[in-house]
Amino acid sequence: MTLSTPRAETPGHAAHKAGTLSPREQGVLWDMEEHFWTSGEDTARATTAANAVMIFPYPPGILQGDHIWNHLRERTGWRSVSMAERRVTRCGDIAILTYRVSAEKPDVPIFKALCASTYLHDDDRWLRISHQQTAVT
């Protein structure tokens, strides 16, 4: 006698419906992400939601809102940045970029990390709502 086990059905919830971005949309997001690293605080702020959350290697740790910009004054403006192992996941109006970064600037050791940034498509514009870095040694 063979017993069959019922297969779990994937719920119809929106989080289970993965989507894709067009190559143009992906290019826009990757350009925004690179400029987040290389163009300084003003550009990073212009592409980031006011209530965004960012997680950086300790210190400073978890930052939100205006506290982000005090930290980023010192941590943006990298001379060069290389993003490898790029992946994009989309669910509705949310896109998540994940990648391995190597960033450098004068008089600072090369910074290597695993990163994830989450973007919300709102009012025909992408805004970063979170960013996370895990340092790689």
C-alpha atoms as a PDB file:
ATOM      1  CA  MET A   1       0.000   0.000   0.000  1.00  0.00           C
ATOM      2  CA  THR A   2       1.349   3.399  -0.956  1.00  0.00           C
ATOM      3  CA  LEU A   3       0.531   6.407   1.145  1.00  0.00           C
ATOM      4  CA  SER A   4       0.473   9.755  -0.481  1.00  0.00           C
ATOM      5  CA  THR A   5       1.198  12.863   1.433  1.00  0.00           C
ATOM      6  CA  PRO A   6      -0.585  16.014   0.444  1.00  0.00           C
ATOM      7  CA  ARG A   7       1.680  18.552  -1.205  1.00  0.00           C
ATOM      8  CA  ALA A   8       1.734  21.924   0.390  1.00  0.00           C
ATOM      9  CA  GLU A   9       0.272  24.489  -1.950  1.00  0.00           C
ATOM     10  CA  THR A  10       2.039  27.801  -2.259  1.00  0.00           C
ATOM     11  CA  PRO A  11      -0.296  30.429  -0.855  1.00  0.00           C
ATOM     12  CA  GLY A  12      -1.582  33.057  -3.238  1.00  0.00           C
ATOM     13  CA  HIS A  13       0.055  35.783  -1.177  1.00  0.00           C
ATOM     14  CA  ALA A  14       1.833  38.490  -3.173  1.00  0.00           C
ATOM     15  CA  ALA A  15       5.165  37.653  -1.499  1.00  0.00           C
ATOM     16  CA  HIS A  16       5.152  34.302  -3.325  1.00  0.00           C
ATOM     17  CA  LYS A  17       4.769  35.910  -6.736  1.00  0.00           C
ATOM     18  CA  ALA A  18       8.240  36.755  -7.967  1.00  0.00           C
ATOM     19  CA  GLY A  19       8.589  39.160 -10.830  1.00  0.00           C
ATOM     20  CA  THR A  20      11.334  40.438 -13.014  1.00  0.00           C
ATOM     21  CA  LEU A  21      12.641  43.828 -13.931  1.00  0.00           C
ATOM     22  CA  SER A  22      13.371  44.872 -17.471  1.00  0.00           C
ATOM     23  CA  PRO A  23      17.053  45.279 -18.333  1.00  0.00           C
ATOM     24  CA  ARG A  24      16.472  49.072 -18.349  1.00  0.00           C
ATOM     25  CA  GLU A  25      14.928  49.001 -14.837  1.00  0.00           C
ATOM     26  CA  GLN A  26      17.768  46.815 -13.571  1.00  0.00           C
ATOM     27  CA  GLY A  27      20.265  49.273 -15.060  1.00  0.00           C
ATOM     28  CA  VAL A  28      18.557  52.175 -13.298  1.00  0.00           C
ATOM     29  CA  LEU A  29      18.725  50.405  -9.929  1.00  0.00           C
ATOM     30  CA  TRP A  30      22.355  49.275 -10.315  1.00  0.00           C
ATOM     31  CA  ASP A  31      23.348  52.816 -11.346  1.00  0.00           C
ATOM     32  CA  MET A  32      21.580  54.197  -8.265  1.00  0.00           C
ATOM     33  CA  GLU A  33      23.348  51.651  -6.079  1.00  0.00           C
ATOM     34  CA  GLU A  34      26.778  52.463  -7.510  1.00  0.00           C
ATOM     35  CA  HIS A  35      26.179  56.208  -7.083  1.00  0.00           C
ATOM     36  CA  PHE A  36      25.112  55.505  -3.485  1.00  0.00           C
ATOM     37  CA  TRP A  37      28.717  54.428  -2.916  1.00  0.00           C
ATOM     38  CA  THR A  38      30.606  56.867  -5.127  1.00  0.00           C
ATOM     39  CA  SER A  39      28.739  60.167  -5.385  1.00  0.00           C
ATOM     40  CA  GLY A  40      28.536  61.416  -1.822  1.00  0.00           C
ATOM     41  CA  GLU A  41      25.835  62.177   0.709  1.00  0.00           C
ATOM     42  CA  ASP A  42      23.595  64.411  -1.439  1.00  0.00           C
ATOM     43  CA  THR A  43      23.107  61.760  -4.120  1.00  0.00           C
ATOM     44  CA  ALA A  44      22.614  59.008  -1.542  1.00  0.00           C
ATOM     45  CA  ARG A  45      20.026  61.105   0.300  1.00  0.00           C
ATOM     46  CA  ALA A  46      18.145  61.959  -2.930  1.00  0.00           C
ATOM     47  CA  THR A  47      17.629  58.261  -3.711  1.00  0.00           C
ATOM     48  CA  THR A  48      16.776  57.143  -0.166  1.00  0.00           C
ATOM     49  CA  ALA A  49      13.429  57.304   1.644  1.00  0.00           C
ATOM     50  CA  ALA A  50      13.302  59.625   4.664  1.00  0.00           C
ATOM     51  CA  ASN A  51      12.520  56.750   7.064  1.00  0.00           C
ATOM     52  CA  ALA A  52      14.988  54.245   5.570  1.00  0.00           C
ATOM     53  CA  VAL A  53      16.877  51.783   7.749  1.00  0.00           C
ATOM     54  CA  MET A  54      20.543  50.940   7.206  1.00  0.00           C
ATOM     55  CA  ILE A  55      22.684  48.343   8.918  1.00  0.00           C
ATOM     56  CA  PHE A  56      26.447  48.805   8.881  1.00  0.00           C
ATOM     57  CA  PRO A  57      29.218  46.770  10.497  1.00  0.00           C
ATOM     58  CA  TYR A  58      29.585  47.731  14.162  1.00  0.00           C
ATOM     59  CA  PRO A  59      30.033  50.554  14.893  1.00  0.00           C
ATOM     60  CA  PRO A  60      27.690  52.295  14.025  1.00  0.00           C
ATOM     61  CA  GLY A  61      25.282  49.360  13.624  1.00  0.00           C
ATOM     62  CA  ILE A  62      21.596  50.033  12.921  1.00  0.00           C
ATOM     63  CA  LEU A  63      20.690  53.548  11.779  1.00  0.00           C
ATOM     64  CA  GLN A  64      17.420  55.109  10.663  1.00  0.00           C
ATOM     65  CA  GLY A  65      16.330  58.445   9.218  1.00  0.00           C
ATOM     66  CA  ASP A  66      18.652  61.408   9.757  1.00  0.00           C
ATOM     67  CA  HIS A  67      21.097  59.334  11.838  1.00  0.00           C
ATOM     68  CA  ILE A  68      22.157  57.625   8.591  1.00  0.00           C
ATOM     69  CA  TRP A  69      23.563  60.829   7.128  1.00  0.00           C
ATOM     70  CA  ASN A  70      25.899  61.585  10.026  1.00  0.00           C
ATOM     71  CA  HIS A  71      27.571  58.238   9.366  1.00  0.00           C
ATOM     72  CA  LEU A  72      27.509  58.440   5.571  1.00  0.00           C
ATOM     73  CA  ARG A  73      29.315  61.777   5.464  1.00  0.00           C
ATOM     74  CA  GLU A  74      32.436  59.778   6.251  1.00  0.00           C
ATOM     75  CA  ARG A  75      31.521  56.575   4.389  1.00  0.00           C
ATOM     76  CA  THR A  76      30.472  57.775   0.899  1.00  0.00           C
ATOM     77  CA  GLY A  77      32.571  59.094  -1.931  1.00  0.00           C
ATOM     78  CA  TRP A  78      34.480  55.880  -2.581  1.00  0.00           C
ATOM     79  CA  ARG A  79      36.868  56.326  -5.509  1.00  0.00           C
ATOM     80  CA  SER A  80      35.939  53.003  -7.061  1.00  0.00           C
ATOM     81  CA  VAL A  81      33.486  50.258  -6.326  1.00  0.00           C
ATOM     82  CA  SER A  82      33.204  46.790  -7.805  1.00  0.00           C
ATOM     83  CA  MET A  83      29.959  44.852  -7.401  1.00  0.00           C
ATOM     84  CA  ALA A  84      30.089  41.104  -8.080  1.00  0.00           C
ATOM     85  CA  GLU A  85      27.570  38.273  -7.700  1.00  0.00           C
ATOM     86  CA  ARG A  86      24.759  40.701  -8.515  1.00  0.00           C
ATOM     87  CA  ARG A  87      21.213  39.480  -8.052  1.00  0.00           C
ATOM     88  CA  VAL A  88      17.858  41.231  -8.372  1.00  0.00           C
ATOM     89  CA  THR A  89      14.611  39.993  -6.846  1.00  0.00           C
ATOM     90  CA  ARG A  90      11.299  41.719  -7.442  1.00  0.00           C
ATOM     91  CA  CYS A  91       7.973  41.342  -5.693  1.00  0.00           C
ATOM     92  CA  GLY A  92       5.393  43.881  -6.806  1.00  0.00           C
ATOM     93  CA  ASP A  93       6.705  47.361  -6.115  1.00  0.00           C
ATOM     94  CA  ILE A  94       9.696  46.069  -4.127  1.00  0.00           C
ATOM     95  CA  ALA A  95      13.101  45.196  -5.609  1.00  0.00           C
ATOM     96  CA  ILE A  96      16.021  43.760  -3.653  1.00  0.00           C
ATOM     97  CA  LEU A  97      19.578  44.040  -4.931  1.00  0.00           C
ATOM     98  CA  THR A  98      22.172  41.698  -3.423  1.00  0.00           C
ATOM     99  CA  TYR A  99      25.873  41.733  -4.232  1.00  0.00           C
ATOM    100  CA  ARG A 100      29.461  41.423  -3.045  1.00  0.00           C
ATOM    101  CA  VAL A 101      31.260  44.781  -2.975  1.00  0.00           C
ATOM    102  CA  SER A 102      34.875  45.845  -2.988  1.00  0.00           C
ATOM    103  CA  ALA A 103      35.282  49.597  -2.495  1.00  0.00           C
ATOM    104  CA  GLU A 104      38.359  51.764  -2.230  1.00  0.00           C
ATOM    105  CA  LYS A 105      39.388  55.336  -1.629  1.00  0.00           C
ATOM    106  CA  PRO A 106      42.679  57.038  -0.752  1.00  0.00           C
ATOM    107  CA  ASP A 107      44.169  56.380   2.689  1.00  0.00           C
ATOM    108  CA  VAL A 108      41.469  53.817   3.602  1.00  0.00           C
ATOM    109  CA  PRO A 109      41.839  50.029   3.474  1.00  0.00           C
ATOM    110  CA  ILE A 110      39.803  48.329   0.736  1.00  0.00           C
ATOM    111  CA  PHE A 111      36.351  47.620   2.132  1.00  0.00           C
ATOM    112  CA  LYS A 112      34.770  44.266   1.249  1.00  0.00           C
ATOM    113  CA  ALA A 113      31.227  43.320   2.173  1.00  0.00           C
ATOM    114  CA  LEU A 114      28.108  41.390   1.282  1.00  0.00           C
ATOM    115  CA  CYS A 115      25.301  43.896   0.684  1.00  0.00           C
ATOM    116  CA  ALA A 116      21.564  44.077   0.193  1.00  0.00           C
ATOM    117  CA  SER A 117      19.503  47.136  -0.713  1.00  0.00           C
ATOM    118  CA  THR A 118      15.732  47.191  -0.876  1.00  0.00           C
ATOM    119  CA  TYR A 119      13.974  49.651  -3.165  1.00  0.00           C
ATOM    120  CA  LEU A 120      10.316  50.683  -3.329  1.00  0.00           C
ATOM    121  CA  HIS A 121       8.816  51.812  -6.632  1.00  0.00           C
ATOM    122  CA  ASP A 122       6.578  54.712  -5.615  1.00  0.00           C
ATOM    123  CA  ASP A 123       5.237  57.583  -7.712  1.00  0.00           C
ATOM    124  CA  ASP A 124       7.152  56.370 -10.807  1.00  0.00           C
ATOM    125  CA  ARG A 125      10.425  56.531  -8.873  1.00  0.00           C
ATOM    126  CA  TRP A 126      12.627  54.010  -7.077  1.00  0.00           C
ATOM    127  CA  LEU A 127      13.648  54.878  -3.498  1.00  0.00           C
ATOM    128  CA  ARG A 128      15.975  52.902  -1.251  1.00  0.00           C
ATOM    129  CA  ILE A 129      14.138  51.865   1.903  1.00  0.00           C
ATOM    130  CA  SER A 130      16.884  49.730   3.415  1.00  0.00           C
ATOM    131  CA  HIS A 131      20.551  48.906   2.984  1.00  0.00           C
ATOM    132  CA  GLN A 132      22.654  46.336   4.824  1.00  0.00           C
ATOM    133  CA  GLN A 133      26.381  45.579   4.795  1.00  0.00           C
ATOM    134  CA  THR A 134      28.112  42.557   6.261  1.00  0.00           C
ATOM    135  CA  ALA A 135      31.885  43.015   6.253  1.00  0.00           C
ATOM    136  CA  VAL A 136      33.881  40.219   4.656  1.00  0.00           C
ATOM    137  CA  THR A 137      37.361  39.594   5.998  1.00  0.00           C
END
